[in-house]
Amino acid sequence: MNKTNTKKLAIAAVFCAVAVVGSLFSVPVFGSKCSPVQHMVNILCAVLLGPGYGLGAAFAAALIRNLLGLGSLMAFPGSMFGALICGLVYKKTQSVFATLIGEVLGTSILGGFAAYPVAVFLMGKSAAGLAVYAYVVPFLISTAGGAIISAVLILSLKKANILAGMQEALREEKPAHV
């Protein structure tokens, strides 16, 4: 493991911890606990670390939240889809705005629809006609809040000329040919 991967892993662990602690500040919306901090973390991971680390941090945060009783199984689809999509969007476009949209759509649409089978098969809930309202709408509210928070943070870092330095410090080093 090279020095850059160690830095990224350490930062991903810090982001995971922020998401877990941030889940203490959740807002109940319908049948879901909305944790905007998780979505903020997803976007920060996308911009600083990339899709793989973002997905890993989202999975670890969802797992820890469930183990500590701070979340439900909805934390998995509710965070992981958004983390992956916004990470891939940022990697492809380098656009913060497109990344915010990727997080919102990935979490609310893909995560919301993926939450339905999780709820039915793993949690024993039946909401056949309510899938869109029971999961997509709460996920949309949660992820929109997180997107707004992260947009303020990222644009502030950009305006202060700090973001580019952070990204450069985390850029993958090319191995020297031996």
N, C-alpha and C. Protein backbone atom coordinates (compact mmCIF):
# COMPACT_ATOMS: atom_id res chain seq x y z
N MET A 1 0.86 -1.17 0.00
CA MET A 1 0.00 0.00 0.00
C MET A 1 0.90 1.24 0.00
N ASN A 2 0.69 2.13 -0.95
CA ASN A 2 1.54 3.31 -0.98
C ASN A 2 1.01 4.40 -0.05
N LYS A 3 1.79 5.48 0.05
CA LYS A 3 1.48 6.56 0.99
C LYS A 3 0.14 7.23 0.68
N THR A 4 -0.19 7.39 -0.59
CA THR A 4 -1.45 8.02 -0.98
C THR A 4 -2.63 7.18 -0.54
N ASN A 5 -2.56 5.87 -0.74
CA ASN A 5 -3.65 5.00 -0.31
C ASN A 5 -3.83 5.03 1.20
N THR A 6 -2.75 5.12 1.94
CA THR A 6 -2.84 5.20 3.40
C THR A 6 -3.54 6.49 3.81
N LYS A 7 -3.18 7.59 3.16
CA LYS A 7 -3.84 8.88 3.45
C LYS A 7 -5.33 8.79 3.14
N LYS A 8 -5.65 8.24 1.98
CA LYS A 8 -7.05 8.13 1.58
C LYS A 8 -7.83 7.24 2.54
N LEU A 9 -7.23 6.15 2.95
CA LEU A 9 -7.89 5.24 3.88
C LEU A 9 -8.13 5.93 5.23
N ALA A 10 -7.15 6.68 5.70
CA ALA A 10 -7.31 7.40 6.96
C ALA A 10 -8.40 8.46 6.86
N ILE A 11 -8.44 9.18 5.76
CA ILE A 11 -9.46 10.22 5.58
C ILE A 11 -10.84 9.57 5.44
N ALA A 12 -10.91 8.45 4.72
CA ALA A 12 -12.19 7.74 4.60
C ALA A 12 -12.67 7.28 5.98
N ALA A 13 -11.75 6.84 6.84
CA ALA A 13 -12.13 6.42 8.19
C ALA A 13 -12.66 7.61 9.00
N VAL A 14 -12.04 8.77 8.84
CA VAL A 14 -12.52 9.97 9.53
C VAL A 14 -13.91 10.34 9.01
N PHE A 15 -14.09 10.29 7.69
CA PHE A 15 -15.42 10.58 7.12
C PHE A 15 -16.46 9.58 7.62
N CYS A 16 -16.07 8.31 7.73
CA CYS A 16 -16.98 7.29 8.26
C CYS A 16 -17.38 7.65 9.69
N ALA A 17 -16.41 8.06 10.50
CA ALA A 17 -16.71 8.45 11.89
C ALA A 17 -17.63 9.67 11.93
N VAL A 18 -17.39 10.63 11.05
CA VAL A 18 -18.26 11.82 10.98
C VAL A 18 -19.69 11.40 10.63
N ALA A 19 -19.83 10.47 9.69
CA ALA A 19 -21.17 10.00 9.30
C ALA A 19 -21.86 9.28 10.45
N VAL A 20 -21.12 8.48 11.20
CA VAL A 20 -21.72 7.76 12.33
C VAL A 20 -22.14 8.74 13.42
N VAL A 21 -21.26 9.64 13.79
CA VAL A 21 -21.60 10.63 14.81
C VAL A 21 -22.71 11.55 14.29
N GLY A 22 -22.63 11.90 13.02
CA GLY A 22 -23.66 12.75 12.42
C GLY A 22 -25.03 12.11 12.39
N SER A 23 -25.08 10.78 12.46
CA SER A 23 -26.38 10.10 12.45
C SER A 23 -27.14 10.33 13.75
N LEU A 24 -26.46 10.82 14.77
CA LEU A 24 -27.14 11.19 16.01
C LEU A 24 -28.08 12.38 15.77
N PHE A 25 -27.80 13.11 14.71
CA PHE A 25 -28.61 14.27 14.35
C PHE A 25 -29.52 13.93 13.18
N SER A 26 -30.33 12.91 13.34
CA SER A 26 -31.23 12.49 12.28
C SER A 26 -32.62 13.07 12.51
N VAL A 27 -33.35 13.16 11.42
CA VAL A 27 -34.70 13.70 11.45
C VAL A 27 -35.65 12.61 10.96
N PRO A 28 -36.65 12.24 11.73
CA PRO A 28 -37.59 11.23 11.24
C PRO A 28 -38.52 11.82 10.17
N VAL A 29 -38.56 11.17 9.02
CA VAL A 29 -39.46 11.56 7.94
C VAL A 29 -40.16 10.29 7.48
N PHE A 30 -41.46 10.23 7.67
CA PHE A 30 -42.25 9.04 7.40
C PHE A 30 -41.63 7.87 8.16
N GLY A 31 -41.28 6.78 7.49
CA GLY A 31 -40.75 5.60 8.18
C GLY A 31 -39.24 5.53 8.19
N SER A 32 -38.57 6.62 7.90
CA SER A 32 -37.12 6.59 7.74
C SER A 32 -36.46 7.63 8.64
N LYS A 33 -35.24 7.32 9.07
CA LYS A 33 -34.43 8.30 9.76
C LYS A 33 -33.57 9.00 8.72
N CYS A 34 -33.78 10.28 8.53
CA CYS A 34 -33.02 11.03 7.54
C CYS A 34 -31.77 11.60 8.18
N SER A 35 -30.63 11.22 7.64
CA SER A 35 -29.34 11.66 8.16
C SER A 35 -28.59 12.44 7.08
N PRO A 36 -28.79 13.75 7.02
CA PRO A 36 -28.13 14.52 5.96
C PRO A 36 -26.61 14.51 6.05
N VAL A 37 -26.06 14.27 7.23
CA VAL A 37 -24.60 14.25 7.37
C VAL A 37 -24.00 13.12 6.53
N GLN A 38 -24.66 11.97 6.45
CA GLN A 38 -24.16 10.86 5.63
C GLN A 38 -24.04 11.29 4.17
N HIS A 39 -24.99 12.05 3.68
CA HIS A 39 -24.97 12.46 2.28
C HIS A 39 -23.92 13.54 2.04
N MET A 40 -23.70 14.39 3.03
CA MET A 40 -22.61 15.35 2.95
C MET A 40 -21.28 14.60 2.85
N VAL A 41 -21.12 13.58 3.67
CA VAL A 41 -19.90 12.77 3.66
C VAL A 41 -19.73 12.08 2.31
N ASN A 42 -20.81 11.56 1.74
CA ASN A 42 -20.74 10.91 0.43
C ASN A 42 -20.15 11.86 -0.61
N ILE A 43 -20.62 13.09 -0.61
CA ILE A 43 -20.17 14.06 -1.62
C ILE A 43 -18.72 14.48 -1.36
N LEU A 44 -18.36 14.68 -0.10
CA LEU A 44 -16.98 15.03 0.21
C LEU A 44 -16.03 13.89 -0.18
N CYS A 45 -16.46 12.66 0.06
CA CYS A 45 -15.65 11.50 -0.36
C CYS A 45 -15.50 11.48 -1.88
N ALA A 46 -16.59 11.76 -2.59
CA ALA A 46 -16.54 11.76 -4.05
C ALA A 46 -15.52 12.77 -4.57
N VAL A 47 -15.54 13.95 -3.99
CA VAL A 47 -14.67 15.04 -4.47
C VAL A 47 -13.22 14.84 -4.04
N LEU A 48 -13.00 14.27 -2.87
CA LEU A 48 -11.63 14.14 -2.37
C LEU A 48 -11.01 12.77 -2.57
N LEU A 49 -11.82 11.71 -2.50
CA LEU A 49 -11.25 10.36 -2.45
C LEU A 49 -11.58 9.48 -3.65
N GLY A 50 -12.74 9.67 -4.24
CA GLY A 50 -13.15 8.83 -5.37
C GLY A 50 -14.25 7.87 -5.00
N PRO A 51 -14.82 7.22 -6.00
CA PRO A 51 -16.01 6.38 -5.77
C PRO A 51 -15.77 5.16 -4.90
N GLY A 52 -14.65 4.52 -5.01
CA GLY A 52 -14.38 3.31 -4.21
C GLY A 52 -14.30 3.61 -2.72
N TYR A 53 -13.57 4.64 -2.38
CA TYR A 53 -13.45 5.03 -0.97
C TYR A 53 -14.78 5.56 -0.44
N GLY A 54 -15.51 6.28 -1.28
CA GLY A 54 -16.82 6.78 -0.86
C GLY A 54 -17.79 5.64 -0.57
N LEU A 55 -17.80 4.65 -1.46
CA LEU A 55 -18.67 3.49 -1.26
C LEU A 55 -18.25 2.72 -0.01
N GLY A 56 -16.96 2.55 0.19
CA GLY A 56 -16.47 1.86 1.38
C GLY A 56 -16.82 2.59 2.66
N ALA A 57 -16.66 3.91 2.66
CA ALA A 57 -17.00 4.71 3.85
C ALA A 57 -18.50 4.65 4.12
N ALA A 58 -19.32 4.68 3.07
CA ALA A 58 -20.78 4.60 3.25
C ALA A 58 -21.18 3.24 3.81
N PHE A 59 -20.58 2.17 3.29
CA PHE A 59 -20.88 0.83 3.81
C PHE A 59 -20.46 0.71 5.27
N ALA A 60 -19.24 1.14 5.58
CA ALA A 60 -18.75 1.04 6.95
C ALA A 60 -19.61 1.86 7.91
N ALA A 61 -19.99 3.06 7.50
CA ALA A 61 -20.83 3.90 8.35
C ALA A 61 -22.20 3.25 8.58
N ALA A 62 -22.79 2.69 7.52
CA ALA A 62 -24.09 2.02 7.66
C ALA A 62 -23.98 0.81 8.59
N LEU A 63 -22.90 0.06 8.45
CA LEU A 63 -22.69 -1.11 9.30
C LEU A 63 -22.52 -0.70 10.77
N ILE A 64 -21.69 0.28 11.01
CA ILE A 64 -21.46 0.73 12.39
C ILE A 64 -22.74 1.32 12.98
N ARG A 65 -23.47 2.11 12.18
CA ARG A 65 -24.72 2.68 12.67
C ARG A 65 -25.70 1.57 13.07
N ASN A 66 -25.78 0.53 12.27
CA ASN A 66 -26.67 -0.59 12.60
C ASN A 66 -26.20 -1.34 13.83
N LEU A 67 -24.91 -1.57 13.93
CA LEU A 67 -24.38 -2.29 15.09
C LEU A 67 -24.58 -1.51 16.39
N LEU A 68 -24.55 -0.18 16.29
CA LEU A 68 -24.75 0.66 17.47
C LEU A 68 -26.21 1.01 17.72
N GLY A 69 -27.10 0.56 16.84
CA GLY A 69 -28.52 0.87 16.99
C GLY A 69 -28.88 2.29 16.62
N LEU A 70 -28.03 2.94 15.82
CA LEU A 70 -28.28 4.32 15.41
C LEU A 70 -28.97 4.42 14.06
N GLY A 71 -29.17 3.30 13.40
CA GLY A 71 -29.79 3.32 12.08
C GLY A 71 -30.52 2.02 11.84
N SER A 72 -31.17 1.96 10.72
CA SER A 72 -31.87 0.74 10.32
C SER A 72 -31.17 0.17 9.10
N LEU A 73 -31.69 -0.94 8.60
CA LEU A 73 -31.12 -1.52 7.38
C LEU A 73 -31.26 -0.58 6.19
N MET A 74 -32.12 0.41 6.30
CA MET A 74 -32.28 1.39 5.23
C MET A 74 -31.02 2.24 5.05
N ALA A 75 -30.14 2.22 6.05
CA ALA A 75 -28.89 2.97 5.94
C ALA A 75 -28.01 2.45 4.80
N PHE A 76 -28.13 1.16 4.49
CA PHE A 76 -27.30 0.60 3.42
C PHE A 76 -27.70 1.13 2.04
N PRO A 77 -28.92 0.88 1.57
CA PRO A 77 -29.27 1.43 0.26
C PRO A 77 -29.37 2.95 0.29
N GLY A 78 -29.71 3.51 1.45
CA GLY A 78 -29.87 4.95 1.56
C GLY A 78 -28.58 5.73 1.47
N SER A 79 -27.45 5.08 1.64
CA SER A 79 -26.19 5.80 1.55
C SER A 79 -25.28 5.27 0.44
N MET A 80 -25.29 3.97 0.24
CA MET A 80 -24.32 3.38 -0.69
C MET A 80 -24.57 3.72 -2.15
N PHE A 81 -25.83 3.75 -2.57
CA PHE A 81 -26.10 4.09 -3.98
C PHE A 81 -25.67 5.51 -4.29
N GLY A 82 -26.01 6.43 -3.40
CA GLY A 82 -25.63 7.82 -3.61
C GLY A 82 -24.12 8.00 -3.62
N ALA A 83 -23.43 7.32 -2.70
CA ALA A 83 -21.96 7.42 -2.64
C ALA A 83 -21.32 6.94 -3.93
N LEU A 84 -21.79 5.82 -4.44
CA LEU A 84 -21.22 5.28 -5.67
C LEU A 84 -21.52 6.18 -6.87
N ILE A 85 -22.78 6.58 -7.01
CA ILE A 85 -23.16 7.39 -8.18
C ILE A 85 -22.46 8.73 -8.16
N CYS A 86 -22.46 9.43 -7.02
CA CYS A 86 -21.82 10.75 -7.01
C CYS A 86 -20.31 10.62 -7.19
N GLY A 87 -19.71 9.55 -6.68
CA GLY A 87 -18.29 9.33 -6.90
C GLY A 87 -17.96 9.11 -8.36
N LEU A 88 -18.77 8.31 -9.03
CA LEU A 88 -18.56 8.07 -10.47
C LEU A 88 -18.79 9.33 -11.28
N VAL A 89 -19.82 10.10 -10.91
CA VAL A 89 -20.12 11.34 -11.63
C VAL A 89 -18.97 12.33 -11.48
N TYR A 90 -18.45 12.48 -10.26
CA TYR A 90 -17.34 13.43 -10.08
C TYR A 90 -16.09 12.96 -10.82
N LYS A 91 -15.83 11.67 -10.78
CA LYS A 91 -14.66 11.13 -11.48
C LYS A 91 -14.74 11.41 -12.98
N LYS A 92 -15.94 11.31 -13.53
CA LYS A 92 -16.14 11.51 -14.97
C LYS A 92 -16.19 12.99 -15.36
N THR A 93 -16.86 13.82 -14.54
CA THR A 93 -17.13 15.20 -14.95
C THR A 93 -16.29 16.26 -14.24
N GLN A 94 -15.81 15.97 -13.04
CA GLN A 94 -15.12 16.95 -12.20
C GLN A 94 -16.01 18.16 -11.87
N SER A 95 -17.32 17.97 -11.99
CA SER A 95 -18.29 19.03 -11.73
C SER A 95 -18.94 18.82 -10.37
N VAL A 96 -18.82 19.82 -9.50
CA VAL A 96 -19.43 19.73 -8.18
C VAL A 96 -20.95 19.69 -8.31
N PHE A 97 -21.50 20.52 -9.18
CA PHE A 97 -22.95 20.54 -9.35
C PHE A 97 -23.47 19.19 -9.83
N ALA A 98 -22.82 18.60 -10.82
CA ALA A 98 -23.24 17.28 -11.32
C ALA A 98 -23.10 16.22 -10.22
N THR A 99 -22.09 16.36 -9.38
CA THR A 99 -21.89 15.43 -8.27
C THR A 99 -23.02 15.53 -7.26
N LEU A 100 -23.45 16.75 -6.97
CA LEU A 100 -24.58 16.95 -6.06
C LEU A 100 -25.84 16.29 -6.62
N ILE A 101 -26.08 16.48 -7.90
CA ILE A 101 -27.24 15.87 -8.56
C ILE A 101 -27.10 14.35 -8.54
N GLY A 102 -25.89 13.83 -8.77
CA GLY A 102 -25.65 12.39 -8.73
C GLY A 102 -25.97 11.80 -7.37
N GLU A 103 -25.58 12.50 -6.31
CA GLU A 103 -25.89 12.03 -4.95
C GLU A 103 -27.39 12.03 -4.71
N VAL A 104 -28.04 13.10 -5.08
CA VAL A 104 -29.49 13.21 -4.84
C VAL A 104 -30.25 12.14 -5.62
N LEU A 105 -29.95 11.99 -6.89
CA LEU A 105 -30.66 11.00 -7.70
C LEU A 105 -30.27 9.57 -7.32
N GLY A 106 -28.98 9.34 -7.07
CA GLY A 106 -28.53 8.00 -6.69
C GLY A 106 -29.17 7.53 -5.39
N THR A 107 -29.21 8.43 -4.41
CA THR A 107 -29.79 8.06 -3.12
C THR A 107 -31.31 7.97 -3.20
N SER A 108 -31.95 9.01 -3.74
CA SER A 108 -33.41 9.04 -3.68
C SER A 108 -34.05 8.03 -4.63
N ILE A 109 -33.59 7.96 -5.86
CA ILE A 109 -34.22 7.06 -6.83
C ILE A 109 -33.69 5.62 -6.67
N LEU A 110 -32.39 5.43 -6.90
CA LEU A 110 -31.84 4.07 -6.83
C LEU A 110 -31.89 3.52 -5.40
N GLY A 111 -31.44 4.31 -4.44
CA GLY A 111 -31.47 3.87 -3.04
C GLY A 111 -32.89 3.66 -2.54
N GLY A 112 -33.79 4.56 -2.95
CA GLY A 112 -35.19 4.43 -2.52
C GLY A 112 -35.85 3.17 -3.04
N PHE A 113 -35.61 2.86 -4.32
CA PHE A 113 -36.20 1.64 -4.87
C PHE A 113 -35.50 0.39 -4.35
N ALA A 114 -34.20 0.47 -4.09
CA ALA A 114 -33.49 -0.68 -3.52
C ALA A 114 -33.89 -0.92 -2.07
N ALA A 115 -34.36 0.12 -1.40
CA ALA A 115 -34.79 -0.03 0.00
C ALA A 115 -36.05 -0.87 0.11
N TYR A 116 -36.86 -0.85 -0.91
CA TYR A 116 -38.13 -1.60 -0.85
C TYR A 116 -37.91 -3.09 -0.63
N PRO A 117 -37.10 -3.78 -1.47
CA PRO A 117 -36.90 -5.22 -1.20
C PRO A 117 -36.18 -5.47 0.14
N VAL A 118 -35.31 -4.57 0.55
CA VAL A 118 -34.65 -4.72 1.85
C VAL A 118 -35.71 -4.70 2.94
N ALA A 119 -36.65 -3.76 2.84
CA ALA A 119 -37.71 -3.66 3.84
C ALA A 119 -38.62 -4.88 3.84
N VAL A 120 -38.97 -5.35 2.66
CA VAL A 120 -39.90 -6.47 2.56
C VAL A 120 -39.25 -7.78 2.98
N PHE A 121 -38.07 -8.09 2.43
CA PHE A 121 -37.46 -9.40 2.67
C PHE A 121 -36.64 -9.48 3.95
N LEU A 122 -35.99 -8.41 4.32
CA LEU A 122 -35.13 -8.46 5.50
C LEU A 122 -35.78 -7.89 6.76
N MET A 123 -36.72 -6.96 6.58
CA MET A 123 -37.33 -6.33 7.75
C MET A 123 -38.78 -6.77 7.94
N GLY A 124 -39.30 -7.55 6.99
CA GLY A 124 -40.65 -8.08 7.11
C GLY A 124 -41.76 -7.06 6.96
N LYS A 125 -41.46 -5.93 6.33
CA LYS A 125 -42.49 -4.91 6.14
C LYS A 125 -43.16 -5.11 4.79
N SER A 126 -44.44 -4.74 4.71
CA SER A 126 -45.11 -4.82 3.42
C SER A 126 -45.72 -3.46 3.11
N ALA A 127 -45.22 -2.87 2.06
CA ALA A 127 -45.70 -1.56 1.62
C ALA A 127 -45.74 -1.55 0.10
N ALA A 128 -46.42 -2.51 -0.46
CA ALA A 128 -46.40 -2.70 -1.91
C ALA A 128 -46.74 -1.44 -2.69
N GLY A 129 -47.78 -0.76 -2.31
CA GLY A 129 -48.19 0.43 -3.06
C GLY A 129 -47.49 1.70 -2.63
N LEU A 130 -46.68 1.62 -1.58
CA LEU A 130 -46.09 2.83 -1.03
C LEU A 130 -44.59 2.96 -1.25
N ALA A 131 -44.01 2.14 -2.08
CA ALA A 131 -42.55 2.13 -2.23
C ALA A 131 -42.00 3.52 -2.52
N VAL A 132 -42.61 4.23 -3.43
CA VAL A 132 -42.10 5.56 -3.79
C VAL A 132 -42.25 6.52 -2.62
N TYR A 133 -43.38 6.51 -1.97
CA TYR A 133 -43.61 7.46 -0.89
C TYR A 133 -42.87 7.07 0.39
N ALA A 134 -42.76 5.78 0.64
CA ALA A 134 -42.16 5.33 1.89
C ALA A 134 -40.64 5.45 1.89
N TYR A 135 -39.99 5.38 0.74
CA TYR A 135 -38.54 5.41 0.71
C TYR A 135 -37.96 6.50 -0.17
N VAL A 136 -38.47 6.70 -1.37
CA VAL A 136 -37.90 7.69 -2.27
C VAL A 136 -38.04 9.10 -1.69
N VAL A 137 -39.21 9.46 -1.20
CA VAL A 137 -39.42 10.82 -0.69
C VAL A 137 -38.55 11.11 0.55
N PRO A 138 -38.54 10.22 1.57
CA PRO A 138 -37.65 10.51 2.71
C PRO A 138 -36.17 10.55 2.33
N PHE A 139 -35.75 9.64 1.44
CA PHE A 139 -34.36 9.66 1.00
C PHE A 139 -34.06 10.96 0.25
N LEU A 140 -35.02 11.43 -0.54
CA LEU A 140 -34.84 12.69 -1.28
C LEU A 140 -34.65 13.86 -0.31
N ILE A 141 -35.46 13.92 0.72
CA ILE A 141 -35.35 14.99 1.71
C ILE A 141 -34.00 14.94 2.41
N SER A 142 -33.59 13.76 2.82
CA SER A 142 -32.32 13.58 3.52
C SER A 142 -31.14 13.96 2.64
N THR A 143 -31.12 13.45 1.44
CA THR A 143 -29.98 13.69 0.56
C THR A 143 -29.93 15.13 0.08
N ALA A 144 -31.07 15.78 -0.09
CA ALA A 144 -31.08 17.19 -0.50
C ALA A 144 -30.45 18.05 0.60
N GLY A 145 -30.76 17.75 1.85
CA GLY A 145 -30.14 18.47 2.96
C GLY A 145 -28.63 18.29 2.99
N GLY A 146 -28.20 17.06 2.82
CA GLY A 146 -26.76 16.78 2.79
C GLY A 146 -26.06 17.42 1.61
N ALA A 147 -26.75 17.46 0.46
CA ALA A 147 -26.17 18.09 -0.73
C ALA A 147 -25.98 19.59 -0.51
N ILE A 148 -26.93 20.22 0.14
CA ILE A 148 -26.82 21.66 0.41
C ILE A 148 -25.64 21.93 1.36
N ILE A 149 -25.54 21.14 2.41
CA ILE A 149 -24.44 21.31 3.37
C ILE A 149 -23.09 21.12 2.67
N SER A 150 -22.97 20.06 1.88
CA SER A 150 -21.69 19.79 1.22
C SER A 150 -21.38 20.83 0.15
N ALA A 151 -22.41 21.35 -0.53
CA ALA A 151 -22.18 22.39 -1.52
C ALA A 151 -21.57 23.63 -0.87
N VAL A 152 -22.10 24.00 0.29
CA VAL A 152 -21.55 25.15 1.02
C VAL A 152 -20.10 24.89 1.39
N LEU A 153 -19.81 23.69 1.92
CA LEU A 153 -18.44 23.36 2.32
C LEU A 153 -17.48 23.35 1.13
N ILE A 154 -17.87 22.66 0.07
CA ILE A 154 -16.99 22.52 -1.09
C ILE A 154 -16.76 23.87 -1.77
N LEU A 155 -17.82 24.65 -1.94
CA LEU A 155 -17.66 25.95 -2.59
C LEU A 155 -16.84 26.89 -1.72
N SER A 156 -16.95 26.78 -0.40
CA SER A 156 -16.12 27.58 0.50
C SER A 156 -14.65 27.18 0.38
N LEU A 157 -14.39 25.89 0.34
CA LEU A 157 -13.02 25.41 0.16
C LEU A 157 -12.45 25.84 -1.19
N LYS A 158 -13.29 25.81 -2.20
CA LYS A 158 -12.87 26.22 -3.54
C LYS A 158 -12.54 27.71 -3.56
N LYS A 159 -13.41 28.51 -2.97
CA LYS A 159 -13.23 29.96 -2.96
C LYS A 159 -11.98 30.36 -2.18
N ALA A 160 -11.67 29.60 -1.13
CA ALA A 160 -10.48 29.88 -0.31
C ALA A 160 -9.22 29.26 -0.92
N ASN A 161 -9.31 28.69 -2.09
CA ASN A 161 -8.19 28.04 -2.78
C ASN A 161 -7.56 26.92 -1.96
N ILE A 162 -8.41 26.19 -1.23
CA ILE A 162 -7.94 25.07 -0.41
C ILE A 162 -8.26 23.73 -1.06
N LEU A 163 -9.38 23.65 -1.76
CA LEU A 163 -9.84 22.39 -2.33
C LEU A 163 -8.83 21.78 -3.29
N ALA A 164 -8.28 22.57 -4.19
CA ALA A 164 -7.33 22.04 -5.18
C ALA A 164 -6.09 21.46 -4.49
N GLY A 165 -5.62 22.11 -3.43
CA GLY A 165 -4.47 21.60 -2.69
C GLY A 165 -4.77 20.28 -2.00
N MET A 166 -5.98 20.19 -1.44
CA MET A 166 -6.39 18.94 -0.79
C MET A 166 -6.45 17.81 -1.82
N GLN A 167 -7.03 18.10 -2.98
CA GLN A 167 -7.15 17.09 -4.02
C GLN A 167 -5.78 16.68 -4.53
N GLU A 168 -4.88 17.64 -4.69
CA GLU A 168 -3.53 17.34 -5.17
C GLU A 168 -2.78 16.46 -4.18
N ALA A 169 -2.95 16.73 -2.89
CA ALA A 169 -2.27 15.93 -1.86
C ALA A 169 -2.77 14.49 -1.85
N LEU A 170 -3.99 14.26 -2.35
CA LEU A 170 -4.57 12.92 -2.34
C LEU A 170 -4.52 12.23 -3.71
N ARG A 171 -3.96 12.91 -4.70
CA ARG A 171 -3.89 12.34 -6.04
C ARG A 171 -3.01 11.10 -6.03
N GLU A 172 -3.44 10.10 -6.79
CA GLU A 172 -2.69 8.84 -6.87
C GLU A 172 -1.30 9.09 -7.43
N GLU A 173 -0.31 8.54 -6.75
CA GLU A 173 1.07 8.62 -7.24
C GLU A 173 1.28 7.49 -8.25
N LYS A 174 1.92 7.82 -9.34
CA LYS A 174 2.23 6.81 -10.35
C LYS A 174 3.48 6.05 -9.91
N PRO A 175 3.42 4.71 -9.89
CA PRO A 175 4.62 3.97 -9.48
C PRO A 175 5.73 4.11 -10.52
N ALA A 176 6.94 4.22 -10.03
CA ALA A 176 8.10 4.32 -10.92
C ALA A 176 8.39 2.94 -11.53
N HIS A 177 8.76 2.94 -12.80
CA HIS A 177 9.08 1.68 -13.45
C HIS A 177 10.48 1.24 -13.03
N VAL A 178 10.58 -0.01 -12.70
CA VAL A 178 11.86 -0.53 -12.23
C VAL A 178 12.58 -1.20 -13.35
